Amino acid sequence: MSIIIGVIGMVLLLTAFALNLMRRITENSMLYIVMNILGAGLSVYYAWTLEAYPFIILEGVWAGFAVYKLVMIRAQVVKTGN
């Protein structure tokens, strides 16, 4: 089951990356950010099951920065009223 979770995480991350490169979504879009949060979060779980500590750190930091970006965008929306 954990491999399925890892594959879903990888697909989310790569899809967000590809859509951004193809200019279908921007790095500030909610879809891009949420795909990064979910993808990195699932990847952390998968790396944890493998005890792959460098990848736990990598994906954890990735998820953390994506959450930070989401919070900053939400704060900006609240501040501007949009």
Protein backbone atom coordinates (compact mmCIF):
# COMPACT_ATOMS: atom_id res chain seq x y z
CA MET A 1 0.00 0.00 0.00
CA SER A 2 2.82 2.45 0.77
CA ILE A 3 4.15 2.20 -2.78
CA ILE A 4 0.76 3.36 -4.08
CA ILE A 5 0.93 6.36 -1.75
CA GLY A 6 4.47 7.10 -2.97
CA VAL A 7 3.41 6.88 -6.60
CA ILE A 8 0.45 9.20 -6.02
CA GLY A 9 2.75 11.71 -4.31
CA MET A 10 5.25 11.54 -7.15
CA VAL A 11 2.52 11.95 -9.78
CA LEU A 12 1.13 15.00 -7.98
CA LEU A 13 4.56 16.65 -7.76
CA LEU A 14 5.50 15.90 -11.36
CA THR A 15 2.10 16.93 -12.70
CA ALA A 16 2.27 20.28 -10.89
CA PHE A 17 5.80 20.80 -12.20
CA ALA A 18 4.85 19.89 -15.78
CA LEU A 19 1.71 22.06 -15.76
CA ASN A 20 3.79 24.97 -14.50
CA LEU A 21 6.43 24.46 -17.20
CA MET A 22 3.72 24.31 -19.87
CA ARG A 23 2.27 27.54 -18.44
CA ARG A 24 -1.08 25.91 -17.65
CA ILE A 25 -0.83 26.93 -13.98
CA THR A 26 1.39 29.40 -12.15
CA GLU A 27 3.45 28.82 -9.04
CA ASN A 28 1.05 31.15 -7.21
CA SER A 29 -2.09 29.20 -8.14
CA MET A 30 -3.91 27.32 -5.40
CA LEU A 31 -3.89 24.17 -7.53
CA TYR A 32 -0.11 24.22 -7.87
CA ILE A 33 0.45 24.84 -4.18
CA VAL A 34 -2.04 22.21 -3.01
CA MET A 35 -0.60 19.64 -5.42
CA ASN A 36 2.85 20.35 -3.98
CA ILE A 37 1.64 20.07 -0.38
CA LEU A 38 -0.17 16.80 -0.99
CA GLY A 39 2.52 15.34 -3.24
CA ALA A 40 5.35 16.17 -0.87
CA GLY A 41 3.34 15.03 2.14
CA LEU A 42 2.63 11.65 0.57
CA SER A 43 6.26 11.40 -0.48
CA VAL A 44 7.35 12.03 3.12
CA TYR A 45 5.20 9.14 4.25
CA TYR A 46 6.64 6.86 1.58
CA ALA A 47 10.22 7.88 2.40
CA TRP A 48 9.47 7.25 6.08
CA THR A 49 8.36 3.69 5.31
CA LEU A 50 11.68 3.16 3.55
CA GLU A 51 13.65 4.87 6.32
CA ALA A 52 15.14 7.09 3.60
CA TYR A 53 16.01 9.99 5.89
CA PRO A 54 17.54 12.32 3.28
CA PHE A 55 14.31 12.13 1.30
CA ILE A 56 12.19 12.61 4.41
CA ILE A 57 14.08 15.87 4.96
CA LEU A 58 13.85 16.88 1.28
CA GLU A 59 10.14 16.24 0.95
CA GLY A 60 9.41 17.63 4.42
CA VAL A 61 11.12 20.90 3.57
CA TRP A 62 9.31 20.94 0.21
CA ALA A 63 5.94 20.47 1.92
CA GLY A 64 6.84 23.08 4.53
CA PHE A 65 7.66 25.72 1.96
CA ALA A 66 4.48 24.90 0.03
CA VAL A 67 2.43 25.36 3.22
CA TYR A 68 4.29 28.64 3.86
CA LYS A 69 3.44 29.82 0.33
CA LEU A 70 -0.22 28.89 0.85
CA VAL A 71 -0.35 30.82 4.14
CA MET A 72 1.30 33.88 2.55
CA ILE A 73 -1.12 33.87 -0.38
CA ARG A 74 -4.11 33.44 1.93
CA ALA A 75 -2.86 36.30 4.12
CA GLN A 76 -2.47 38.51 1.06
CA VAL A 77 -6.03 37.70 -0.05
CA VAL A 78 -7.38 38.56 3.39
CA LYS A 79 -5.31 41.76 3.52
CA THR A 80 -6.47 42.99 0.10
CA GLY A 81 -10.01 41.66 0.43
CA ASN A 82 -9.86 39.71 -2.84
